[in-house]
Amino acid sequence: IEGFKLWVSGKENVESTRGGEPYWEGKENGRTA
């Protein structure tokens, strides 16, 4: 299950990068890159 969760996380990161900027914690509150 941990491997599956890592795979899903990696897949989401790749897809978010293709769509533009990646997400990082606190981004929505103005945290800088």
PDB file of all heavy atoms in Angstrom:
ATOM      1  N   ILE A   1       0.835  -1.200   0.000  1.00  0.00           N
ATOM      2  CA  ILE A   1       0.000   0.000   0.000  1.00  0.00           C
ATOM      3  C   ILE A   1       0.870   1.250   0.000  1.00  0.00           C
ATOM      4  O   ILE A   1       0.525   2.264  -0.626  1.00  0.00           O
ATOM      5  CB  ILE A   1      -0.971   0.004   1.210  1.00  0.00           C
ATOM      6  CG1 ILE A   1      -1.991   1.153   1.071  1.00  0.00           C
ATOM      7  CG2 ILE A   1      -0.203   0.093   2.511  1.00  0.00           C
ATOM      8  CD1 ILE A   1      -2.892   1.045  -0.116  1.00  0.00           C
ATOM      9  N   GLU A   2       2.043   1.186   0.681  1.00  0.00           N
ATOM     10  CA  GLU A   2       2.942   2.335   0.687  1.00  0.00           C
ATOM     11  C   GLU A   2       3.518   2.577  -0.702  1.00  0.00           C
ATOM     12  O   GLU A   2       3.662   3.714  -1.143  1.00  0.00           O
ATOM     13  CB  GLU A   2       4.068   2.131   1.714  1.00  0.00           C
ATOM     14  CG  GLU A   2       3.617   2.188   3.153  1.00  0.00           C
ATOM     15  CD  GLU A   2       2.932   3.504   3.508  1.00  0.00           C
ATOM     16  OE1 GLU A   2       3.394   4.554   3.032  1.00  0.00           O
ATOM     17  OE2 GLU A   2       1.932   3.468   4.238  1.00  0.00           O
ATOM     18  N   GLY A   3       3.872   1.479  -1.393  1.00  0.00           N
ATOM     19  CA  GLY A   3       4.373   1.601  -2.761  1.00  0.00           C
ATOM     20  C   GLY A   3       3.320   2.184  -3.682  1.00  0.00           C
ATOM     21  O   GLY A   3       3.617   3.024  -4.549  1.00  0.00           O
ATOM     22  N   PHE A   4       2.086   1.743  -3.502  1.00  0.00           N
ATOM     23  CA  PHE A   4       0.983   2.248  -4.318  1.00  0.00           C
ATOM     24  C   PHE A   4       0.777   3.744  -4.082  1.00  0.00           C
ATOM     25  O   PHE A   4       0.584   4.520  -5.022  1.00  0.00           O
ATOM     26  CB  PHE A   4      -0.297   1.479  -3.989  1.00  0.00           C
ATOM     27  CG  PHE A   4      -1.507   1.939  -4.754  1.00  0.00           C
ATOM     28  CD1 PHE A   4      -1.605   1.733  -6.119  1.00  0.00           C
ATOM     29  CD2 PHE A   4      -2.548   2.582  -4.100  1.00  0.00           C
ATOM     30  CE1 PHE A   4      -2.724   2.163  -6.829  1.00  0.00           C
ATOM     31  CE2 PHE A   4      -3.664   3.013  -4.794  1.00  0.00           C
ATOM     32  CZ  PHE A   4      -3.753   2.799  -6.168  1.00  0.00           C
ATOM     33  N   LYS A   5       0.844   4.168  -2.823  1.00  0.00           N
ATOM     34  CA  LYS A   5       0.676   5.586  -2.492  1.00  0.00           C
ATOM     35  C   LYS A   5       1.802   6.429  -3.078  1.00  0.00           C
ATOM     36  O   LYS A   5       1.561   7.542  -3.569  1.00  0.00           O
ATOM     37  CB  LYS A   5       0.615   5.753  -0.969  1.00  0.00           C
ATOM     38  CG  LYS A   5      -0.709   5.295  -0.364  1.00  0.00           C
ATOM     39  CD  LYS A   5      -0.601   4.970   1.115  1.00  0.00           C
ATOM     40  CE  LYS A   5      -0.197   6.122   1.959  1.00  0.00           C
ATOM     41  NZ  LYS A   5      -0.175   5.769   3.411  1.00  0.00           N
ATOM     42  N   LEU A   6       3.029   5.898  -3.056  1.00  0.00           N
ATOM     43  CA  LEU A   6       4.155   6.613  -3.662  1.00  0.00           C
ATOM     44  C   LEU A   6       3.971   6.756  -5.166  1.00  0.00           C
ATOM     45  O   LEU A   6       4.265   7.794  -5.752  1.00  0.00           O
ATOM     46  CB  LEU A   6       5.471   5.873  -3.366  1.00  0.00           C
ATOM     47  CG  LEU A   6       6.050   6.029  -1.962  1.00  0.00           C
ATOM     48  CD1 LEU A   6       7.223   5.068  -1.772  1.00  0.00           C
ATOM     49  CD2 LEU A   6       6.520   7.465  -1.737  1.00  0.00           C
ATOM     50  N   TRP A   7       3.485   5.688  -5.796  1.00  0.00           N
ATOM     51  CA  TRP A   7       3.247   5.712  -7.234  1.00  0.00           C
ATOM     52  C   TRP A   7       2.189   6.757  -7.592  1.00  0.00           C
ATOM     53  O   TRP A   7       2.356   7.531  -8.534  1.00  0.00           O
ATOM     54  CB  TRP A   7       2.807   4.328  -7.702  1.00  0.00           C
ATOM     55  CG  TRP A   7       2.418   4.261  -9.149  1.00  0.00           C
ATOM     56  CD1 TRP A   7       3.256   4.166 -10.220  1.00  0.00           C
ATOM     57  CD2 TRP A   7       1.077   4.263  -9.681  1.00  0.00           C
ATOM     58  NE1 TRP A   7       2.531   4.118 -11.400  1.00  0.00           N
ATOM     59  CE2 TRP A   7       1.187   4.178 -11.087  1.00  0.00           C
ATOM     60  CE3 TRP A   7      -0.183   4.332  -9.095  1.00  0.00           C
ATOM     61  CZ2 TRP A   7       0.071   4.157 -11.920  1.00  0.00           C
ATOM     62  CZ3 TRP A   7      -1.299   4.325  -9.920  1.00  0.00           C
ATOM     63  CH2 TRP A   7      -1.167   4.234 -11.312  1.00  0.00           C
ATOM     64  N   VAL A   8       1.098   6.795  -6.827  1.00  0.00           N
ATOM     65  CA  VAL A   8       0.034   7.779  -7.070  1.00  0.00           C
ATOM     66  C   VAL A   8       0.573   9.196  -6.891  1.00  0.00           C
ATOM     67  O   VAL A   8       0.300  10.085  -7.699  1.00  0.00           O
ATOM     68  CB  VAL A   8      -1.161   7.533  -6.127  1.00  0.00           C
ATOM     69  CG1 VAL A   8      -2.158   8.689  -6.216  1.00  0.00           C
ATOM     70  CG2 VAL A   8      -1.847   6.216  -6.471  1.00  0.00           C
ATOM     71  N   SER A   9       1.379   9.392  -5.839  1.00  0.00           N
ATOM     72  CA  SER A   9       1.948  10.713  -5.576  1.00  0.00           C
ATOM     73  C   SER A   9       2.849  11.155  -6.722  1.00  0.00           C
ATOM     74  O   SER A   9       2.794  12.303  -7.172  1.00  0.00           O
ATOM     75  CB  SER A   9       2.734  10.692  -4.268  1.00  0.00           C
ATOM     76  OG  SER A   9       3.383  11.929  -4.044  1.00  0.00           O
ATOM     77  N   GLY A  10       3.709  10.238  -7.199  1.00  0.00           N
ATOM     78  CA  GLY A  10       4.591  10.562  -8.312  1.00  0.00           C
ATOM     79  C   GLY A  10       3.826  10.867  -9.574  1.00  0.00           C
ATOM     80  O   GLY A  10       4.171  11.775 -10.340  1.00  0.00           O
ATOM     81  N   LYS A  11       2.755  10.117  -9.809  1.00  0.00           N
ATOM     82  CA  LYS A  11       1.911  10.322 -10.989  1.00  0.00           C
ATOM     83  C   LYS A  11       1.249  11.695 -10.945  1.00  0.00           C
ATOM     84  O   LYS A  11       1.194  12.408 -11.953  1.00  0.00           O
ATOM     85  CB  LYS A  11       0.851   9.216 -11.030  1.00  0.00           C
ATOM     86  CG  LYS A  11      -0.076   9.237 -12.242  1.00  0.00           C
ATOM     87  CD  LYS A  11      -1.014   8.046 -12.168  1.00  0.00           C
ATOM     88  CE  LYS A  11      -2.097   8.112 -13.230  1.00  0.00           C
ATOM     89  NZ  LYS A  11      -1.560   8.089 -14.582  1.00  0.00           N
ATOM     90  N   GLU A  12       0.787  12.094  -9.770  1.00  0.00           N
ATOM     91  CA  GLU A  12       0.143  13.397  -9.617  1.00  0.00           C
ATOM     92  C   GLU A  12       1.138  14.526  -9.837  1.00  0.00           C
ATOM     93  O   GLU A  12       0.818  15.544 -10.453  1.00  0.00           O
ATOM     94  CB  GLU A  12      -0.476  13.519  -8.227  1.00  0.00           C
ATOM     95  CG  GLU A  12      -1.717  12.656  -8.041  1.00  0.00           C
ATOM     96  CD  GLU A  12      -2.263  12.730  -6.625  1.00  0.00           C
ATOM     97  OE1 GLU A  12      -1.526  13.230  -5.752  1.00  0.00           O
ATOM     98  OE2 GLU A  12      -3.399  12.282  -6.405  1.00  0.00           O
ATOM     99  N   ASN A  13       2.377  14.337  -9.352  1.00  0.00           N
ATOM    100  CA  ASN A  13       3.396  15.373  -9.523  1.00  0.00           C
ATOM    101  C   ASN A  13       3.733  15.581 -10.992  1.00  0.00           C
ATOM    102  O   ASN A  13       3.914  16.706 -11.459  1.00  0.00           O
ATOM    103  CB  ASN A  13       4.666  15.012  -8.747  1.00  0.00           C
ATOM    104  CG  ASN A  13       4.489  15.218  -7.255  1.00  0.00           C
ATOM    105  OD1 ASN A  13       3.645  15.992  -6.828  1.00  0.00           O
ATOM    106  ND2 ASN A  13       5.282  14.518  -6.462  1.00  0.00           N
ATOM    107  N   VAL A  14       3.852  14.470 -11.746  1.00  0.00           N
ATOM    108  CA  VAL A  14       4.154  14.567 -13.174  1.00  0.00           C
ATOM    109  C   VAL A  14       3.037  15.278 -13.899  1.00  0.00           C
ATOM    110  O   VAL A  14       3.261  16.164 -14.733  1.00  0.00           O
ATOM    111  CB  VAL A  14       4.376  13.159 -13.773  1.00  0.00           C
ATOM    112  CG1 VAL A  14       4.440  13.243 -15.302  1.00  0.00           C
ATOM    113  CG2 VAL A  14       5.668  12.555 -13.233  1.00  0.00           C
ATOM    114  N   GLU A  15       1.797  14.913 -13.585  1.00  0.00           N
ATOM    115  CA  GLU A  15       0.650  15.508 -14.261  1.00  0.00           C
ATOM    116  C   GLU A  15       0.497  16.987 -13.912  1.00  0.00           C
ATOM    117  O   GLU A  15       0.139  17.803 -14.762  1.00  0.00           O
ATOM    118  CB  GLU A  15      -0.617  14.739 -13.905  1.00  0.00           C
ATOM    119  CG  GLU A  15      -0.646  13.344 -14.533  1.00  0.00           C
ATOM    120  CD  GLU A  15      -1.852  12.531 -14.098  1.00  0.00           C
ATOM    121  OE1 GLU A  15      -2.587  13.010 -13.206  1.00  0.00           O
ATOM    122  OE2 GLU A  15      -2.037  11.431 -14.640  1.00  0.00           O
ATOM    123  N   SER A  16       0.786  17.348 -12.661  1.00  0.00           N
ATOM    124  CA  SER A  16       0.670  18.754 -12.270  1.00  0.00           C
ATOM    125  C   SER A  16       1.750  19.588 -12.936  1.00  0.00           C
ATOM    126  O   SER A  16       1.533  20.747 -13.289  1.00  0.00           O
ATOM    127  CB  SER A  16       0.768  18.903 -10.748  1.00  0.00           C
ATOM    128  OG  SER A  16       2.053  18.550 -10.282  1.00  0.00           O
ATOM    129  N   THR A  17       2.938  19.005 -13.154  1.00  0.00           N
ATOM    130  CA  THR A  17       4.015  19.719 -13.826  1.00  0.00           C
ATOM    131  C   THR A  17       3.664  19.959 -15.288  1.00  0.00           C
ATOM    132  O   THR A  17       3.943  21.021 -15.846  1.00  0.00           O
ATOM    133  CB  THR A  17       5.329  18.921 -13.724  1.00  0.00           C
ATOM    134  OG1 THR A  17       5.639  18.733 -12.349  1.00  0.00           O
ATOM    135  CG2 THR A  17       6.470  19.662 -14.390  1.00  0.00           C
ATOM    136  N   ARG A  18       3.045  18.971 -15.926  1.00  0.00           N
ATOM    137  CA  ARG A  18       2.642  19.135 -17.312  1.00  0.00           C
ATOM    138  C   ARG A  18       1.621  20.255 -17.463  1.00  0.00           C
ATOM    139  O   ARG A  18       1.565  20.933 -18.483  1.00  0.00           O
ATOM    140  CB  ARG A  18       2.046  17.820 -17.832  1.00  0.00           C
ATOM    141  CG  ARG A  18       3.081  16.727 -18.069  1.00  0.00           C
ATOM    142  CD  ARG A  18       2.405  15.417 -18.405  1.00  0.00           C
ATOM    143  NE  ARG A  18       3.365  14.342 -18.588  1.00  0.00           N
ATOM    144  CZ  ARG A  18       3.046  13.055 -18.598  1.00  0.00           C
ATOM    145  NH1 ARG A  18       1.787  12.682 -18.424  1.00  0.00           N
ATOM    146  NH2 ARG A  18       3.972  12.133 -18.780  1.00  0.00           N
ATOM    147  N   GLY A  19       0.796  20.433 -16.452  1.00  0.00           N
ATOM    148  CA  GLY A  19      -0.248  21.441 -16.520  1.00  0.00           C
ATOM    149  C   GLY A  19       0.239  22.829 -16.146  1.00  0.00           C
ATOM    150  O   GLY A  19      -0.539  23.773 -16.135  1.00  0.00           O
ATOM    151  N   GLY A  20       1.493  22.998 -15.815  1.00  0.00           N
ATOM    152  CA  GLY A  20       2.031  24.285 -15.406  1.00  0.00           C
ATOM    153  C   GLY A  20       2.884  24.146 -14.168  1.00  0.00           C
ATOM    154  O   GLY A  20       3.642  23.193 -14.027  1.00  0.00           O
ATOM    155  N   GLU A  21       2.745  25.103 -13.259  1.00  0.00           N
ATOM    156  CA  GLU A  21       3.551  25.087 -12.049  1.00  0.00           C
ATOM    157  C   GLU A  21       3.140  23.935 -11.125  1.00  0.00           C
ATOM    158  O   GLU A  21       1.958  23.627 -11.011  1.00  0.00           O
ATOM    159  CB  GLU A  21       3.375  26.399 -11.290  1.00  0.00           C
ATOM    160  CG  GLU A  21       4.005  27.595 -11.967  1.00  0.00           C
ATOM    161  CD  GLU A  21       3.920  28.839 -11.088  1.00  0.00           C
ATOM    162  OE1 GLU A  21       3.179  28.796 -10.072  1.00  0.00           O
ATOM    163  OE2 GLU A  21       4.579  29.823 -11.419  1.00  0.00           O
ATOM    164  N   PRO A  22       4.122  23.326 -10.449  1.00  0.00           N
ATOM    165  CA  PRO A  22       3.774  22.292  -9.470  1.00  0.00           C
ATOM    166  C   PRO A  22       3.195  22.921  -8.207  1.00  0.00           C
ATOM    167  O   PRO A  22       3.343  24.125  -7.978  1.00  0.00           O
ATOM    168  CB  PRO A  22       5.125  21.624  -9.177  1.00  0.00           C
ATOM    169  CG  PRO A  22       6.123  22.714  -9.409  1.00  0.00           C
ATOM    170  CD  PRO A  22       5.573  23.531 -10.556  1.00  0.00           C
ATOM    171  N   TYR A  23       2.566  22.107  -7.400  1.00  0.00           N
ATOM    172  CA  TYR A  23       2.052  22.584  -6.108  1.00  0.00           C
ATOM    173  C   TYR A  23       3.112  22.363  -5.042  1.00  0.00           C
ATOM    174  O   TYR A  23       3.871  21.399  -5.090  1.00  0.00           O
ATOM    175  CB  TYR A  23       0.780  21.822  -5.726  1.00  0.00           C
ATOM    176  CG  TYR A  23       0.334  22.129  -4.316  1.00  0.00           C
ATOM    177  CD1 TYR A  23      -0.363  23.301  -4.036  1.00  0.00           C
ATOM    178  CD2 TYR A  23       0.657  21.263  -3.260  1.00  0.00           C
ATOM    179  CE1 TYR A  23      -0.744  23.599  -2.732  1.00  0.00           C
ATOM    180  CE2 TYR A  23       0.272  21.565  -1.959  1.00  0.00           C
ATOM    181  CZ  TYR A  23      -0.426  22.733  -1.705  1.00  0.00           C
ATOM    182  OH  TYR A  23      -0.790  23.034  -0.419  1.00  0.00           O
ATOM    183  N   TRP A  24       3.186  23.288  -4.087  1.00  0.00           N
ATOM    184  CA  TRP A  24       3.999  23.059  -2.896  1.00  0.00           C
ATOM    185  C   TRP A  24       3.208  23.523  -1.679  1.00  0.00           C
ATOM    186  O   TRP A  24       2.307  24.367  -1.786  1.00  0.00           O
ATOM    187  CB  TRP A  24       5.348  23.772  -2.969  1.00  0.00           C
ATOM    188  CG  TRP A  24       5.274  25.264  -3.135  1.00  0.00           C
ATOM    189  CD1 TRP A  24       5.109  26.219  -2.166  1.00  0.00           C
ATOM    190  CD2 TRP A  24       5.359  25.989  -4.379  1.00  0.00           C
ATOM    191  NE1 TRP A  24       5.093  27.469  -2.702  1.00  0.00           N
ATOM    192  CE2 TRP A  24       5.249  27.370  -4.057  1.00  0.00           C
ATOM    193  CE3 TRP A  24       5.530  25.607  -5.706  1.00  0.00           C
ATOM    194  CZ2 TRP A  24       5.301  28.363  -5.033  1.00  0.00           C
ATOM    195  CZ3 TRP A  24       5.583  26.590  -6.680  1.00  0.00           C
ATOM    196  CH2 TRP A  24       5.469  27.952  -6.342  1.00  0.00           C
ATOM    197  N   GLU A  25       3.528  22.936  -0.538  1.00  0.00           N
ATOM    198  CA  GLU A  25       2.795  23.221   0.685  1.00  0.00           C
ATOM    199  C   GLU A  25       2.852  24.705   1.026  1.00  0.00           C
ATOM    200  O   GLU A  25       3.930  25.301   1.053  1.00  0.00           O
ATOM    201  CB  GLU A  25       3.375  22.400   1.848  1.00  0.00           C
ATOM    202  CG  GLU A  25       2.574  22.482   3.123  1.00  0.00           C
ATOM    203  CD  GLU A  25       3.121  21.584   4.215  1.00  0.00           C
ATOM    204  OE1 GLU A  25       4.259  21.097   4.077  1.00  0.00           O
ATOM    205  OE2 GLU A  25       2.406  21.373   5.207  1.00  0.00           O
ATOM    206  N   GLY A  26       1.700  25.295   1.259  1.00  0.00           N
ATOM    207  CA  GLY A  26       1.634  26.708   1.622  1.00  0.00           C
ATOM    208  C   GLY A  26       1.533  27.658   0.447  1.00  0.00           C
ATOM    209  O   GLY A  26       1.459  28.880   0.641  1.00  0.00           O
ATOM    210  N   LYS A  27       1.542  27.114  -0.771  1.00  0.00           N
ATOM    211  CA  LYS A  27       1.492  27.974  -1.962  1.00  0.00           C
ATOM    212  C   LYS A  27       0.250  28.848  -1.971  1.00  0.00           C
ATOM    213  O   LYS A  27       0.305  30.031  -2.320  1.00  0.00           O
ATOM    214  CB  LYS A  27       1.540  27.102  -3.221  1.00  0.00           C
ATOM    215  CG  LYS A  27       1.603  27.891  -4.530  1.00  0.00           C
ATOM    216  CD  LYS A  27       1.687  26.955  -5.719  1.00  0.00           C
ATOM    217  CE  LYS A  27       1.823  27.725  -7.020  1.00  0.00           C
ATOM    218  NZ  LYS A  27       1.906  26.809  -8.193  1.00  0.00           N
ATOM    219  N   GLU A  28      -0.872  28.266  -1.562  1.00  0.00           N
ATOM    220  CA  GLU A  28      -2.142  29.004  -1.585  1.00  0.00           C
ATOM    221  C   GLU A  28      -2.169  30.144  -0.568  1.00  0.00           C
ATOM    222  O   GLU A  28      -2.988  31.060  -0.658  1.00  0.00           O
ATOM    223  CB  GLU A  28      -3.319  28.041  -1.319  1.00  0.00           C
ATOM    224  CG  GLU A  28      -3.361  27.462   0.071  1.00  0.00           C
ATOM    225  CD  GLU A  28      -2.448  26.246   0.259  1.00  0.00           C
ATOM    226  OE1 GLU A  28      -1.625  25.963  -0.644  1.00  0.00           O
ATOM    227  OE2 GLU A  28      -2.565  25.587   1.297  1.00  0.00           O
ATOM    228  N   ASN A  29      -1.242  30.111   0.395  1.00  0.00           N
ATOM    229  CA  ASN A  29      -1.155  31.163   1.407  1.00  0.00           C
ATOM    230  C   ASN A  29      -0.019  32.148   1.136  1.00  0.00           C
ATOM    231  O   ASN A  29       0.350  32.927   2.018  1.00  0.00           O
ATOM    232  CB  ASN A  29      -0.972  30.538   2.797  1.00  0.00           C
ATOM    233  CG  ASN A  29      -2.157  29.691   3.203  1.00  0.00           C
ATOM    234  OD1 ASN A  29      -3.304  30.054   2.932  1.00  0.00           O
ATOM    235  ND2 ASN A  29      -1.894  28.545   3.828  1.00  0.00           N
ATOM    236  N   GLY A  30       0.541  32.063  -0.077  1.00  0.00           N
ATOM    237  CA  GLY A  30       1.581  33.012  -0.462  1.00  0.00           C
ATOM    238  C   GLY A  30       3.001  32.560  -0.223  1.00  0.00           C
ATOM    239  O   GLY A  30       3.942  33.354  -0.370  1.00  0.00           O
ATOM    240  N   ARG A  31       3.184  31.303   0.171  1.00  0.00           N
ATOM    241  CA  ARG A  31       4.558  30.818   0.373  1.00  0.00           C
ATOM    242  C   ARG A  31       5.302  30.806  -0.958  1.00  0.00           C
ATOM    243  O   ARG A  31       4.786  30.317  -1.969  1.00  0.00           O
ATOM    244  CB  ARG A  31       4.539  29.413   0.956  1.00  0.00           C
ATOM    245  CG  ARG A  31       5.929  28.928   1.359  1.00  0.00           C
ATOM    246  CD  ARG A  31       5.903  27.495   1.803  1.00  0.00           C
ATOM    247  NE  ARG A  31       7.202  27.064   2.270  1.00  0.00           N
ATOM    248  CZ  ARG A  31       7.573  25.792   2.368  1.00  0.00           C
ATOM    249  NH1 ARG A  31       6.718  24.838   2.051  1.00  0.00           N
ATOM    250  NH2 ARG A  31       8.775  25.475   2.796  1.00  0.00           N
ATOM    251  N   THR A  32       6.526  31.323  -0.962  1.00  0.00           N
ATOM    252  CA  THR A  32       7.267  31.481  -2.209  1.00  0.00           C
ATOM    253  C   THR A  32       7.916  30.175  -2.668  1.00  0.00           C
ATOM    254  O   THR A  32       8.133  29.255  -1.868  1.00  0.00           O
ATOM    255  CB  THR A  32       8.382  32.531  -2.056  1.00  0.00           C
ATOM    256  OG1 THR A  32       9.346  32.057  -1.086  1.00  0.00           O
ATOM    257  CG2 THR A  32       7.821  33.863  -1.608  1.00  0.00           C
ATOM    258  N   ALA A  33       8.231  30.128  -3.959  1.00  0.00           N
ATOM    259  CA  ALA A  33       8.943  28.973  -4.515  1.00  0.00           C
ATOM    260  C   ALA A  33      10.307  28.826  -3.872  1.00  0.00           C
ATOM    261  O   ALA A  33      10.783  27.713  -3.612  1.00  0.00           O
ATOM    262  CB  ALA A  33       9.085  29.134  -6.029  1.00  0.00           C
TER     263      ALA A  33
END
